[in-house]
N, C-alpha and C. Protein backbone atom coordinates (compact mmCIF):
# COMPACT_ATOMS: atom_id res chain seq x y z
N MET A 1 -17.53 175.10 -162.90
CA MET A 1 -17.64 176.46 -163.38
C MET A 1 -16.83 177.39 -162.48
N VAL A 2 -16.16 178.34 -163.06
CA VAL A 2 -15.33 179.28 -162.31
C VAL A 2 -16.23 180.40 -161.77
N ASN A 3 -16.05 180.68 -160.48
CA ASN A 3 -16.82 181.76 -159.88
C ASN A 3 -16.05 183.07 -160.04
N PHE A 4 -16.53 183.93 -160.93
CA PHE A 4 -15.85 185.20 -161.18
C PHE A 4 -16.42 186.33 -160.34
N LEU A 5 -17.48 186.07 -159.60
CA LEU A 5 -18.06 187.08 -158.72
C LEU A 5 -17.30 187.08 -157.40
N LYS A 6 -16.32 187.92 -157.33
CA LYS A 6 -15.45 187.99 -156.15
C LYS A 6 -15.72 189.30 -155.42
N PRO A 7 -15.31 189.38 -154.15
CA PRO A 7 -15.47 190.65 -153.41
C PRO A 7 -14.76 191.80 -154.13
N GLY A 8 -15.46 192.91 -154.23
CA GLY A 8 -14.93 194.08 -154.92
C GLY A 8 -15.52 194.27 -156.31
N LYS A 9 -16.19 193.24 -156.85
CA LYS A 9 -16.79 193.32 -158.18
C LYS A 9 -18.03 194.22 -158.14
N VAL A 10 -18.14 195.13 -159.09
CA VAL A 10 -19.29 196.02 -159.17
C VAL A 10 -20.39 195.32 -159.96
N VAL A 11 -21.61 195.34 -159.41
CA VAL A 11 -22.76 194.72 -160.06
C VAL A 11 -23.91 195.72 -160.10
N ILE A 12 -24.91 195.39 -160.92
CA ILE A 12 -26.14 196.17 -160.97
C ILE A 12 -27.25 195.27 -160.47
N ILE A 13 -28.03 195.76 -159.52
CA ILE A 13 -29.14 195.00 -158.96
C ILE A 13 -30.28 195.01 -159.98
N LEU A 14 -30.86 193.84 -160.26
CA LEU A 14 -31.88 193.73 -161.29
C LEU A 14 -33.30 193.67 -160.75
N ASN A 15 -33.49 193.13 -159.56
CA ASN A 15 -34.84 192.96 -159.03
C ASN A 15 -35.00 193.65 -157.70
N GLY A 16 -36.24 193.99 -157.37
CA GLY A 16 -36.55 194.50 -156.05
C GLY A 16 -36.48 196.00 -155.92
N ARG A 17 -36.45 196.43 -154.69
CA ARG A 17 -36.49 197.85 -154.35
C ARG A 17 -35.31 198.64 -154.93
N PHE A 18 -34.15 198.02 -155.01
CA PHE A 18 -32.95 198.70 -155.48
C PHE A 18 -32.60 198.32 -156.92
N ALA A 19 -33.59 197.94 -157.71
CA ALA A 19 -33.35 197.57 -159.11
C ALA A 19 -32.77 198.76 -159.86
N GLY A 20 -31.70 198.51 -160.61
CA GLY A 20 -31.06 199.56 -161.39
C GLY A 20 -29.99 200.31 -160.63
N LYS A 21 -29.71 199.92 -159.39
CA LYS A 21 -28.70 200.60 -158.58
C LYS A 21 -27.38 199.83 -158.65
N LYS A 22 -26.28 200.57 -158.52
CA LYS A 22 -24.96 199.94 -158.52
C LYS A 22 -24.63 199.47 -157.11
N ALA A 23 -23.89 198.37 -157.04
CA ALA A 23 -23.50 197.81 -155.75
C ALA A 23 -22.15 197.11 -155.90
N VAL A 24 -21.50 196.88 -154.76
CA VAL A 24 -20.21 196.18 -154.72
C VAL A 24 -20.39 194.91 -153.92
N ILE A 25 -19.91 193.80 -154.44
CA ILE A 25 -19.99 192.53 -153.73
C ILE A 25 -18.98 192.53 -152.59
N THR A 26 -19.42 192.12 -151.40
CA THR A 26 -18.51 192.02 -150.27
C THR A 26 -18.26 190.57 -149.87
N GLU A 27 -19.25 189.72 -150.13
CA GLU A 27 -19.12 188.31 -149.75
C GLU A 27 -20.00 187.48 -150.69
N VAL A 28 -19.51 186.32 -151.12
CA VAL A 28 -20.27 185.44 -152.00
C VAL A 28 -20.47 184.10 -151.31
N LYS A 29 -21.70 183.62 -151.33
CA LYS A 29 -22.05 182.30 -150.78
C LYS A 29 -22.63 181.47 -151.92
N PRO A 30 -21.80 180.65 -152.60
CA PRO A 30 -22.29 179.90 -153.75
C PRO A 30 -23.16 178.69 -153.40
N LYS A 31 -23.14 178.27 -152.14
CA LYS A 31 -23.90 177.09 -151.73
C LYS A 31 -25.20 177.48 -151.02
N LYS A 32 -26.16 176.57 -151.08
CA LYS A 32 -27.42 176.76 -150.36
C LYS A 32 -27.21 176.38 -148.89
N ASP A 33 -28.08 176.88 -148.03
CA ASP A 33 -28.09 176.43 -146.64
C ASP A 33 -29.53 176.40 -146.15
N LYS A 34 -29.72 176.18 -144.85
CA LYS A 34 -31.07 176.03 -144.32
C LYS A 34 -31.87 177.33 -144.41
N ARG A 35 -31.19 178.45 -144.23
CA ARG A 35 -31.90 179.73 -144.21
C ARG A 35 -32.20 180.24 -145.63
N HIS A 36 -31.25 180.08 -146.54
CA HIS A 36 -31.40 180.56 -147.91
C HIS A 36 -31.27 179.37 -148.85
N HIS A 37 -32.22 179.21 -149.74
CA HIS A 37 -32.23 178.07 -150.66
C HIS A 37 -31.71 178.47 -152.05
N TYR A 38 -30.75 179.39 -152.07
CA TYR A 38 -30.21 179.86 -153.33
C TYR A 38 -28.79 180.40 -153.11
N ALA A 39 -28.02 180.47 -154.19
CA ALA A 39 -26.69 181.09 -154.12
C ALA A 39 -26.89 182.59 -153.98
N ARG A 40 -26.05 183.23 -153.15
CA ARG A 40 -26.31 184.63 -152.85
C ARG A 40 -25.01 185.40 -152.65
N ALA A 41 -25.16 186.72 -152.64
CA ALA A 41 -24.03 187.61 -152.40
C ALA A 41 -24.48 188.71 -151.45
N VAL A 42 -23.57 189.12 -150.58
CA VAL A 42 -23.82 190.26 -149.70
C VAL A 42 -23.24 191.47 -150.42
N VAL A 43 -24.09 192.50 -150.64
CA VAL A 43 -23.65 193.67 -151.39
C VAL A 43 -23.85 194.95 -150.60
N ALA A 44 -23.05 195.94 -150.92
CA ALA A 44 -23.21 197.30 -150.41
C ALA A 44 -23.31 198.20 -151.64
N GLY A 45 -24.39 198.97 -151.71
CA GLY A 45 -24.61 199.77 -152.90
C GLY A 45 -25.03 201.18 -152.61
N LEU A 46 -25.30 201.91 -153.68
CA LEU A 46 -25.71 203.31 -153.58
C LEU A 46 -27.22 203.42 -153.69
N LYS A 47 -27.85 203.76 -152.59
CA LYS A 47 -29.29 204.01 -152.60
C LYS A 47 -29.56 205.32 -153.32
N ARG A 48 -28.72 206.32 -153.05
CA ARG A 48 -28.85 207.62 -153.71
C ARG A 48 -27.47 208.12 -154.09
N SER A 49 -27.29 208.43 -155.35
CA SER A 49 -26.01 208.95 -155.84
C SER A 49 -25.91 210.44 -155.55
N PRO A 50 -24.69 210.97 -155.46
CA PRO A 50 -24.54 212.41 -155.28
C PRO A 50 -24.99 213.16 -156.53
N LYS A 51 -25.55 214.35 -156.33
CA LYS A 51 -26.07 215.14 -157.44
C LYS A 51 -25.01 216.10 -157.96
N LYS A 52 -25.30 216.73 -159.09
CA LYS A 52 -24.36 217.65 -159.72
C LYS A 52 -24.17 218.89 -158.85
N VAL A 53 -22.92 219.36 -158.79
CA VAL A 53 -22.57 220.54 -157.99
C VAL A 53 -21.91 221.56 -158.91
N THR A 54 -22.29 222.84 -158.74
CA THR A 54 -21.68 223.92 -159.51
C THR A 54 -20.98 224.90 -158.58
N ARG A 55 -20.19 225.79 -159.14
CA ARG A 55 -19.45 226.76 -158.33
C ARG A 55 -20.37 227.78 -157.67
N ALA A 56 -21.50 228.05 -158.27
CA ALA A 56 -22.41 229.07 -157.74
C ALA A 56 -23.10 228.62 -156.46
N MET A 57 -23.07 227.34 -156.16
CA MET A 57 -23.77 226.81 -154.98
C MET A 57 -22.98 227.09 -153.71
N GLY A 58 -23.72 227.33 -152.63
CA GLY A 58 -23.09 227.57 -151.33
C GLY A 58 -22.63 226.28 -150.69
N LYS A 59 -21.93 226.39 -149.55
CA LYS A 59 -21.39 225.21 -148.87
C LYS A 59 -22.49 224.28 -148.38
N LYS A 60 -23.57 224.86 -147.83
CA LYS A 60 -24.67 224.03 -147.32
C LYS A 60 -25.30 223.21 -148.44
N VAL A 61 -25.54 223.86 -149.55
CA VAL A 61 -26.17 223.19 -150.69
C VAL A 61 -25.25 222.09 -151.22
N VAL A 62 -23.97 222.38 -151.30
CA VAL A 62 -23.00 221.38 -151.79
C VAL A 62 -22.98 220.18 -150.85
N LEU A 63 -22.96 220.42 -149.54
CA LEU A 63 -22.97 219.31 -148.58
C LEU A 63 -24.22 218.45 -148.73
N ARG A 64 -25.36 219.10 -148.88
CA ARG A 64 -26.62 218.38 -149.00
C ARG A 64 -26.67 217.55 -150.29
N ARG A 65 -26.14 218.10 -151.37
CA ARG A 65 -26.19 217.41 -152.67
C ARG A 65 -25.16 216.29 -152.80
N THR A 66 -24.13 216.30 -151.97
CA THR A 66 -23.09 215.27 -152.09
C THR A 66 -23.23 214.17 -151.05
N ILE A 67 -24.33 214.15 -150.32
CA ILE A 67 -24.54 213.07 -149.35
C ILE A 67 -24.76 211.76 -150.10
N ILE A 68 -24.10 210.71 -149.64
CA ILE A 68 -24.23 209.39 -150.25
C ILE A 68 -24.97 208.48 -149.28
N ARG A 69 -26.04 207.88 -149.74
CA ARG A 69 -26.83 206.97 -148.92
C ARG A 69 -26.61 205.54 -149.41
N PRO A 70 -25.95 204.70 -148.61
CA PRO A 70 -25.71 203.32 -149.04
C PRO A 70 -26.83 202.38 -148.60
N PHE A 71 -26.86 201.20 -149.19
CA PHE A 71 -27.74 200.13 -148.73
C PHE A 71 -26.93 198.85 -148.61
N LEU A 72 -27.37 197.98 -147.72
CA LEU A 72 -26.74 196.68 -147.49
C LEU A 72 -27.79 195.62 -147.74
N LYS A 73 -27.43 194.57 -148.44
CA LYS A 73 -28.45 193.59 -148.80
C LYS A 73 -27.82 192.24 -149.15
N THR A 74 -28.55 191.18 -148.87
CA THR A 74 -28.21 189.85 -149.36
C THR A 74 -29.05 189.63 -150.61
N VAL A 75 -28.39 189.33 -151.73
CA VAL A 75 -29.08 189.26 -153.01
C VAL A 75 -28.85 187.90 -153.66
N ASN A 76 -29.88 187.37 -154.29
CA ASN A 76 -29.77 186.16 -155.09
C ASN A 76 -28.83 186.45 -156.26
N LEU A 77 -27.92 185.53 -156.55
CA LEU A 77 -26.94 185.76 -157.62
C LEU A 77 -27.59 185.88 -159.00
N SER A 78 -28.77 185.32 -159.17
CA SER A 78 -29.45 185.46 -160.46
C SER A 78 -30.11 186.83 -160.60
N HIS A 79 -30.08 187.65 -159.55
CA HIS A 79 -30.69 188.98 -159.58
C HIS A 79 -29.65 190.09 -159.67
N VAL A 80 -28.43 189.76 -160.05
CA VAL A 80 -27.40 190.78 -160.23
C VAL A 80 -26.81 190.67 -161.64
N LEU A 81 -26.41 191.81 -162.18
CA LEU A 81 -25.75 191.87 -163.47
C LEU A 81 -24.31 192.30 -163.23
N PRO A 82 -23.35 191.39 -163.41
CA PRO A 82 -21.95 191.77 -163.15
C PRO A 82 -21.44 192.72 -164.22
N THR A 83 -20.58 193.63 -163.82
CA THR A 83 -19.93 194.54 -164.76
C THR A 83 -18.45 194.17 -164.83
N ARG A 84 -17.73 194.82 -165.69
CA ARG A 84 -16.30 194.53 -165.81
C ARG A 84 -15.48 195.27 -164.78
N TYR A 85 -16.11 196.13 -164.00
CA TYR A 85 -15.41 196.98 -163.06
C TYR A 85 -15.26 196.36 -161.68
N THR A 86 -14.21 196.78 -160.99
CA THR A 86 -14.02 196.43 -159.59
C THR A 86 -13.76 197.71 -158.81
N LEU A 87 -14.09 197.68 -157.54
CA LEU A 87 -13.90 198.83 -156.67
C LEU A 87 -13.01 198.38 -155.52
N ASP A 88 -11.91 199.07 -155.33
CA ASP A 88 -10.96 198.66 -154.30
C ASP A 88 -11.26 199.39 -152.98
N VAL A 89 -12.34 198.97 -152.35
CA VAL A 89 -12.73 199.48 -151.03
C VAL A 89 -12.68 198.29 -150.08
N PRO A 90 -12.05 198.43 -148.91
CA PRO A 90 -11.92 197.29 -147.99
C PRO A 90 -13.23 196.95 -147.29
N LEU A 91 -14.19 196.41 -148.04
CA LEU A 91 -15.50 196.09 -147.47
C LEU A 91 -15.59 194.65 -146.97
N LYS A 92 -14.69 193.80 -147.41
CA LYS A 92 -14.79 192.38 -147.07
C LYS A 92 -14.73 192.14 -145.56
N ASP A 93 -13.82 192.83 -144.88
CA ASP A 93 -13.71 192.66 -143.43
C ASP A 93 -14.83 193.39 -142.69
N LEU A 94 -15.37 194.41 -143.32
CA LEU A 94 -16.36 195.27 -142.67
C LEU A 94 -17.76 194.67 -142.68
N LEU A 95 -18.15 194.05 -143.78
CA LEU A 95 -19.52 193.59 -143.95
C LEU A 95 -19.55 192.09 -144.21
N SER A 96 -20.34 191.38 -143.43
CA SER A 96 -20.55 189.95 -143.64
C SER A 96 -22.02 189.65 -143.43
N GLU A 97 -22.41 188.43 -143.76
CA GLU A 97 -23.82 188.07 -143.66
C GLU A 97 -24.31 188.06 -142.22
N GLN A 98 -23.44 187.70 -141.27
CA GLN A 98 -23.84 187.68 -139.86
C GLN A 98 -24.15 189.09 -139.36
N LYS A 99 -23.41 190.07 -139.83
CA LYS A 99 -23.64 191.45 -139.39
C LYS A 99 -24.94 192.02 -139.94
N LEU A 100 -25.42 191.47 -141.04
CA LEU A 100 -26.69 191.94 -141.61
C LEU A 100 -27.89 191.53 -140.76
N HIS A 101 -27.76 190.44 -140.03
CA HIS A 101 -28.89 189.94 -139.26
C HIS A 101 -29.08 190.69 -137.94
N ASP A 102 -28.05 191.36 -137.45
CA ASP A 102 -28.15 192.12 -136.21
C ASP A 102 -28.41 193.58 -136.54
N ARG A 103 -29.50 194.14 -135.98
CA ARG A 103 -29.92 195.51 -136.31
C ARG A 103 -28.87 196.56 -135.97
N ILE A 104 -28.30 196.47 -134.79
CA ILE A 104 -27.35 197.48 -134.33
C ILE A 104 -26.06 197.43 -135.15
N LYS A 105 -25.56 196.22 -135.39
CA LYS A 105 -24.34 196.08 -136.20
C LYS A 105 -24.57 196.57 -137.63
N ARG A 106 -25.74 196.28 -138.17
CA ARG A 106 -26.07 196.69 -139.53
C ARG A 106 -26.05 198.22 -139.66
N LYS A 107 -26.58 198.88 -138.63
CA LYS A 107 -26.62 200.35 -138.65
C LYS A 107 -25.21 200.95 -138.60
N THR A 108 -24.35 200.40 -137.73
CA THR A 108 -22.99 200.93 -137.63
C THR A 108 -22.19 200.64 -138.91
N VAL A 109 -22.39 199.47 -139.49
CA VAL A 109 -21.70 199.12 -140.73
C VAL A 109 -22.15 200.05 -141.85
N ARG A 110 -23.45 200.35 -141.91
CA ARG A 110 -23.98 201.25 -142.94
C ARG A 110 -23.33 202.63 -142.83
N LYS A 111 -23.15 203.12 -141.60
CA LYS A 111 -22.53 204.43 -141.40
C LYS A 111 -21.07 204.43 -141.83
N THR A 112 -20.34 203.37 -141.50
CA THR A 112 -18.92 203.32 -141.89
C THR A 112 -18.77 203.18 -143.41
N ILE A 113 -19.67 202.43 -144.03
CA ILE A 113 -19.63 202.30 -145.49
C ILE A 113 -19.96 203.63 -146.15
N ALA A 114 -20.89 204.37 -145.57
CA ALA A 114 -21.21 205.71 -146.10
C ALA A 114 -19.97 206.61 -146.04
N LYS A 115 -19.21 206.52 -144.95
CA LYS A 115 -17.99 207.33 -144.82
C LYS A 115 -16.94 206.90 -145.86
N LEU A 116 -16.80 205.59 -146.07
CA LEU A 116 -15.85 205.09 -147.06
C LEU A 116 -16.22 205.56 -148.47
N PHE A 117 -17.50 205.44 -148.82
CA PHE A 117 -17.97 205.88 -150.13
C PHE A 117 -17.78 207.39 -150.28
N GLN A 118 -18.04 208.14 -149.21
CA GLN A 118 -17.89 209.60 -149.23
C GLN A 118 -16.43 209.98 -149.50
N GLN A 119 -15.49 209.30 -148.82
CA GLN A 119 -14.06 209.56 -149.04
C GLN A 119 -13.68 209.25 -150.49
N LYS A 120 -14.17 208.14 -150.99
CA LYS A 120 -13.87 207.73 -152.36
C LYS A 120 -14.39 208.77 -153.36
N TYR A 121 -15.58 209.30 -153.07
CA TYR A 121 -16.19 210.30 -153.95
C TYR A 121 -15.41 211.61 -153.91
N LYS A 122 -15.02 212.04 -152.71
CA LYS A 122 -14.34 213.33 -152.57
C LYS A 122 -12.93 213.31 -153.16
N THR A 123 -12.27 212.17 -153.14
CA THR A 123 -10.93 212.09 -153.74
C THR A 123 -11.00 212.02 -155.26
N GLY A 124 -12.17 211.73 -155.81
CA GLY A 124 -12.32 211.69 -157.26
C GLY A 124 -12.01 210.34 -157.87
N GLU A 125 -11.79 209.33 -157.03
CA GLU A 125 -11.52 207.99 -157.54
C GLU A 125 -12.82 207.33 -157.98
N SER A 126 -12.76 206.54 -159.00
CA SER A 126 -13.91 205.74 -159.47
C SER A 126 -15.15 206.60 -159.67
N LYS A 127 -15.03 207.64 -160.48
CA LYS A 127 -16.16 208.53 -160.73
C LYS A 127 -17.34 207.80 -161.36
N TRP A 128 -17.06 206.80 -162.16
CA TRP A 128 -18.10 206.04 -162.84
C TRP A 128 -19.03 205.34 -161.85
N PHE A 129 -18.51 204.99 -160.67
CA PHE A 129 -19.34 204.30 -159.68
C PHE A 129 -20.39 205.24 -159.09
N PHE A 130 -20.06 206.51 -158.96
CA PHE A 130 -20.96 207.46 -158.33
C PHE A 130 -21.86 208.18 -159.32
N ASP A 131 -21.70 207.93 -160.62
CA ASP A 131 -22.60 208.50 -161.61
C ASP A 131 -23.89 207.70 -161.64
N ARG A 132 -24.98 208.40 -161.94
CA ARG A 132 -26.27 207.74 -162.02
C ARG A 132 -26.35 206.91 -163.30
N LEU A 133 -26.97 205.75 -163.21
CA LEU A 133 -27.17 204.92 -164.39
C LEU A 133 -28.29 205.51 -165.24
N ARG A 134 -28.06 205.61 -166.51
CA ARG A 134 -29.10 206.13 -167.41
C ARG A 134 -29.38 205.07 -168.48
N PHE A 135 -30.59 204.54 -168.46
CA PHE A 135 -30.97 203.56 -169.48
C PHE A 135 -32.46 203.59 -169.69
């Protein structure tokens, strides 16, 4: 079987705390190992999407409403719904499964991913990724 879940593919998380949230695959592990008994993917997603901004709002309000909160997670491949979209953010080198296990590294990676997502949002690229899912 061909593995079409490659780094950069946008998925929707189906189970758990972040169910219904959009995420980007950064690393895929199709084989089982001693620690995980299932095929899995390391994802970075949007915990909270930016809210709508109008011209009447002040700078402080705009800053507060456009904050992007990411999450990092190792997810079972049967718990993700792949979409046809890809996101060209250089996350593969930034996030790996080893970095998720170390608390300090995970925190720094989360901050850098937040900055990357923020830049992507401010430039107006991939607007569909930052829109809230409605279903």
